[in-house]
Amino acid sequence: MKEGRKEGRRERRKEGRVEKLKDERKIKMKSKEEVEEEEEEEEEEEKEEEEEEEKGEEEEEEKSREKGKKCTKRA
């Protein structure tokens, strides 16, 4: 009977270890996916910032052109 108990314990321990390993692998896989998602989000944010900067530069150029036109008209 003792042998049966020992075997049962061993099996349960092995199952527990296997489950832990599976859980760890899942966590690693999730973390990889999360990292990829974060990188994509960062890239999107950078693109948006660049677009905003370009728009701001274009607006400044237009304002300076308008000021230049006003000055030439007065002269």
N, C-alpha and C. Protein backbone atom coordinates (compact mmCIF):
# COMPACT_ATOMS: atom_id res chain seq x y z
N MET A 1 0.82 -1.18 0.00
CA MET A 1 0.00 0.00 0.00
C MET A 1 0.87 1.26 0.00
N LYS A 2 1.99 1.16 0.71
CA LYS A 2 2.87 2.31 0.75
C LYS A 2 3.40 2.63 -0.64
N GLU A 3 3.69 1.58 -1.40
CA GLU A 3 4.22 1.79 -2.75
C GLU A 3 3.19 2.49 -3.62
N GLY A 4 1.95 2.12 -3.46
CA GLY A 4 0.88 2.75 -4.23
C GLY A 4 0.78 4.23 -3.90
N ARG A 5 0.91 4.55 -2.64
CA ARG A 5 0.86 5.95 -2.21
C ARG A 5 2.04 6.73 -2.79
N LYS A 6 3.21 6.12 -2.72
CA LYS A 6 4.41 6.78 -3.23
C LYS A 6 4.27 7.05 -4.73
N GLU A 7 3.80 6.06 -5.44
CA GLU A 7 3.63 6.23 -6.88
C GLU A 7 2.61 7.33 -7.19
N GLY A 8 1.54 7.33 -6.41
CA GLY A 8 0.53 8.36 -6.59
C GLY A 8 1.10 9.75 -6.35
N ARG A 9 1.91 9.86 -5.29
CA ARG A 9 2.54 11.15 -4.99
C ARG A 9 3.48 11.56 -6.11
N ARG A 10 4.26 10.60 -6.57
CA ARG A 10 5.21 10.89 -7.66
C ARG A 10 4.47 11.40 -8.90
N GLU A 11 3.39 10.70 -9.22
CA GLU A 11 2.62 11.11 -10.40
C GLU A 11 2.05 12.51 -10.22
N ARG A 12 1.52 12.78 -9.05
CA ARG A 12 0.97 14.10 -8.78
C ARG A 12 2.05 15.18 -8.86
N ARG A 13 3.22 14.86 -8.33
CA ARG A 13 4.32 15.82 -8.40
C ARG A 13 4.72 16.08 -9.85
N LYS A 14 4.82 15.01 -10.61
CA LYS A 14 5.17 15.16 -12.03
C LYS A 14 4.13 16.00 -12.75
N GLU A 15 2.87 15.70 -12.48
CA GLU A 15 1.80 16.46 -13.12
C GLU A 15 1.89 17.93 -12.73
N GLY A 16 2.16 18.18 -11.47
CA GLY A 16 2.30 19.55 -11.00
C GLY A 16 3.45 20.26 -11.69
N ARG A 17 4.56 19.56 -11.85
CA ARG A 17 5.72 20.14 -12.52
C ARG A 17 5.41 20.44 -13.98
N VAL A 18 4.74 19.50 -14.61
CA VAL A 18 4.38 19.69 -16.02
C VAL A 18 3.46 20.89 -16.16
N GLU A 19 2.48 20.99 -15.26
CA GLU A 19 1.56 22.12 -15.31
C GLU A 19 2.30 23.43 -15.08
N LYS A 20 3.24 23.45 -14.16
CA LYS A 20 4.01 24.65 -13.89
C LYS A 20 4.80 25.05 -15.13
N LEU A 21 5.43 24.07 -15.77
CA LEU A 21 6.20 24.36 -16.98
C LEU A 21 5.30 24.91 -18.08
N LYS A 22 4.12 24.31 -18.22
CA LYS A 22 3.18 24.80 -19.22
C LYS A 22 2.77 26.23 -18.92
N ASP A 23 2.50 26.51 -17.66
CA ASP A 23 2.13 27.86 -17.26
C ASP A 23 3.26 28.84 -17.55
N GLU A 24 4.48 28.45 -17.23
CA GLU A 24 5.63 29.32 -17.48
C GLU A 24 5.77 29.58 -18.97
N ARG A 25 5.59 28.56 -19.78
CA ARG A 25 5.69 28.74 -21.23
C ARG A 25 4.60 29.68 -21.73
N LYS A 26 3.41 29.54 -21.19
CA LYS A 26 2.31 30.43 -21.58
C LYS A 26 2.65 31.86 -21.22
N ILE A 27 3.21 32.05 -20.03
CA ILE A 27 3.59 33.39 -19.60
C ILE A 27 4.64 33.96 -20.54
N LYS A 28 5.61 33.15 -20.91
CA LYS A 28 6.65 33.60 -21.82
C LYS A 28 6.05 33.96 -23.18
N MET A 29 5.15 33.14 -23.65
CA MET A 29 4.52 33.40 -24.94
C MET A 29 3.71 34.69 -24.87
N LYS A 30 3.00 34.87 -23.79
CA LYS A 30 2.21 36.09 -23.62
C LYS A 30 3.13 37.29 -23.58
N SER A 31 4.23 37.16 -22.87
CA SER A 31 5.12 38.30 -22.74
C SER A 31 5.71 38.65 -24.12
N LYS A 32 6.01 37.66 -24.94
CA LYS A 32 6.51 37.94 -26.28
C LYS A 32 5.47 38.68 -27.09
N GLU A 33 4.23 38.21 -27.01
CA GLU A 33 3.14 38.86 -27.74
C GLU A 33 2.93 40.27 -27.23
N GLU A 34 2.98 40.44 -25.91
CA GLU A 34 2.80 41.76 -25.34
C GLU A 34 3.91 42.70 -25.79
N VAL A 35 5.14 42.20 -25.83
CA VAL A 35 6.27 43.02 -26.26
C VAL A 35 6.06 43.45 -27.71
N GLU A 36 5.64 42.53 -28.56
CA GLU A 36 5.39 42.87 -29.96
C GLU A 36 4.30 43.92 -30.08
N GLU A 37 3.24 43.77 -29.31
CA GLU A 37 2.14 44.74 -29.34
C GLU A 37 2.62 46.11 -28.88
N GLU A 38 3.43 46.13 -27.83
CA GLU A 38 3.95 47.40 -27.33
C GLU A 38 4.83 48.08 -28.37
N GLU A 39 5.66 47.29 -29.05
CA GLU A 39 6.52 47.85 -30.09
C GLU A 39 5.68 48.45 -31.21
N GLU A 40 4.63 47.75 -31.61
CA GLU A 40 3.75 48.27 -32.65
C GLU A 40 3.10 49.58 -32.21
N GLU A 41 2.65 49.62 -30.97
CA GLU A 41 2.02 50.84 -30.45
C GLU A 41 3.01 52.00 -30.44
N GLU A 42 4.25 51.72 -30.04
CA GLU A 42 5.28 52.76 -30.01
C GLU A 42 5.55 53.29 -31.41
N GLU A 43 5.61 52.39 -32.38
CA GLU A 43 5.84 52.80 -33.76
C GLU A 43 4.70 53.69 -34.25
N GLU A 44 3.47 53.32 -33.94
CA GLU A 44 2.32 54.11 -34.33
C GLU A 44 2.37 55.50 -33.69
N GLU A 45 2.73 55.55 -32.42
CA GLU A 45 2.83 56.83 -31.72
C GLU A 45 3.90 57.71 -32.36
N GLU A 46 5.04 57.11 -32.70
CA GLU A 46 6.12 57.86 -33.34
C GLU A 46 5.66 58.43 -34.68
N LYS A 47 4.96 57.63 -35.45
CA LYS A 47 4.45 58.09 -36.74
C LYS A 47 3.50 59.27 -36.55
N GLU A 48 2.62 59.15 -35.57
CA GLU A 48 1.66 60.22 -35.29
C GLU A 48 2.39 61.50 -34.89
N GLU A 49 3.42 61.37 -34.04
CA GLU A 49 4.18 62.53 -33.62
C GLU A 49 4.88 63.18 -34.81
N GLU A 50 5.45 62.37 -35.69
CA GLU A 50 6.12 62.90 -36.87
C GLU A 50 5.12 63.66 -37.75
N GLU A 51 3.94 63.09 -37.93
CA GLU A 51 2.92 63.74 -38.74
C GLU A 51 2.51 65.08 -38.13
N GLU A 52 2.36 65.09 -36.80
CA GLU A 52 1.98 66.33 -36.12
C GLU A 52 3.08 67.38 -36.29
N GLU A 53 4.34 66.96 -36.19
CA GLU A 53 5.44 67.89 -36.36
C GLU A 53 5.45 68.46 -37.78
N GLU A 54 5.23 67.60 -38.76
CA GLU A 54 5.21 68.05 -40.15
C GLU A 54 4.08 69.05 -40.37
N LYS A 55 2.92 68.77 -39.79
CA LYS A 55 1.79 69.69 -39.92
C LYS A 55 2.13 71.03 -39.29
N GLY A 56 2.75 70.99 -38.14
CA GLY A 56 3.14 72.22 -37.45
C GLY A 56 4.14 73.02 -38.27
N GLU A 57 5.09 72.34 -38.88
CA GLU A 57 6.08 73.02 -39.72
C GLU A 57 5.41 73.65 -40.93
N GLU A 58 4.49 72.92 -41.54
CA GLU A 58 3.78 73.44 -42.71
C GLU A 58 2.97 74.68 -42.35
N GLU A 59 2.31 74.64 -41.20
CA GLU A 59 1.52 75.79 -40.75
C GLU A 59 2.42 77.00 -40.52
N GLU A 60 3.58 76.79 -39.93
CA GLU A 60 4.52 77.88 -39.68
C GLU A 60 4.99 78.48 -41.01
N GLU A 61 5.28 77.63 -41.98
CA GLU A 61 5.71 78.10 -43.29
C GLU A 61 4.62 78.94 -43.95
N GLU A 62 3.38 78.47 -43.84
CA GLU A 62 2.27 79.22 -44.43
C GLU A 62 2.12 80.58 -43.76
N LYS A 63 2.24 80.62 -42.45
CA LYS A 63 2.13 81.89 -41.73
C LYS A 63 3.23 82.85 -42.17
N SER A 64 4.45 82.33 -42.29
CA SER A 64 5.56 83.20 -42.70
C SER A 64 5.35 83.69 -44.13
N ARG A 65 4.80 82.86 -44.98
CA ARG A 65 4.51 83.27 -46.36
C ARG A 65 3.47 84.40 -46.37
N GLU A 66 2.43 84.20 -45.56
CA GLU A 66 1.38 85.22 -45.48
C GLU A 66 1.95 86.54 -44.97
N LYS A 67 2.80 86.49 -43.98
CA LYS A 67 3.42 87.70 -43.47
C LYS A 67 4.28 88.35 -44.54
N GLY A 68 4.98 87.53 -45.30
CA GLY A 68 5.82 88.04 -46.39
C GLY A 68 4.98 88.71 -47.45
N LYS A 69 3.83 88.14 -47.75
CA LYS A 69 2.93 88.73 -48.75
C LYS A 69 2.41 90.07 -48.27
N LYS A 70 2.05 90.15 -46.99
CA LYS A 70 1.54 91.39 -46.43
C LYS A 70 2.60 92.48 -46.49
N CYS A 71 3.83 92.11 -46.18
CA CYS A 71 4.92 93.09 -46.19
C CYS A 71 5.17 93.59 -47.61
N THR A 72 5.13 92.70 -48.60
CA THR A 72 5.40 93.12 -49.97
C THR A 72 4.26 93.98 -50.50
N LYS A 73 3.03 93.70 -50.07
CA LYS A 73 1.89 94.50 -50.52
C LYS A 73 2.00 95.92 -49.98
N ARG A 74 2.43 96.08 -48.75
CA ARG A 74 2.55 97.40 -48.14
C ARG A 74 3.66 98.21 -48.81
N ALA A 75 4.71 97.54 -49.19
CA ALA A 75 5.84 98.25 -49.78
C ALA A 75 5.48 98.66 -51.17
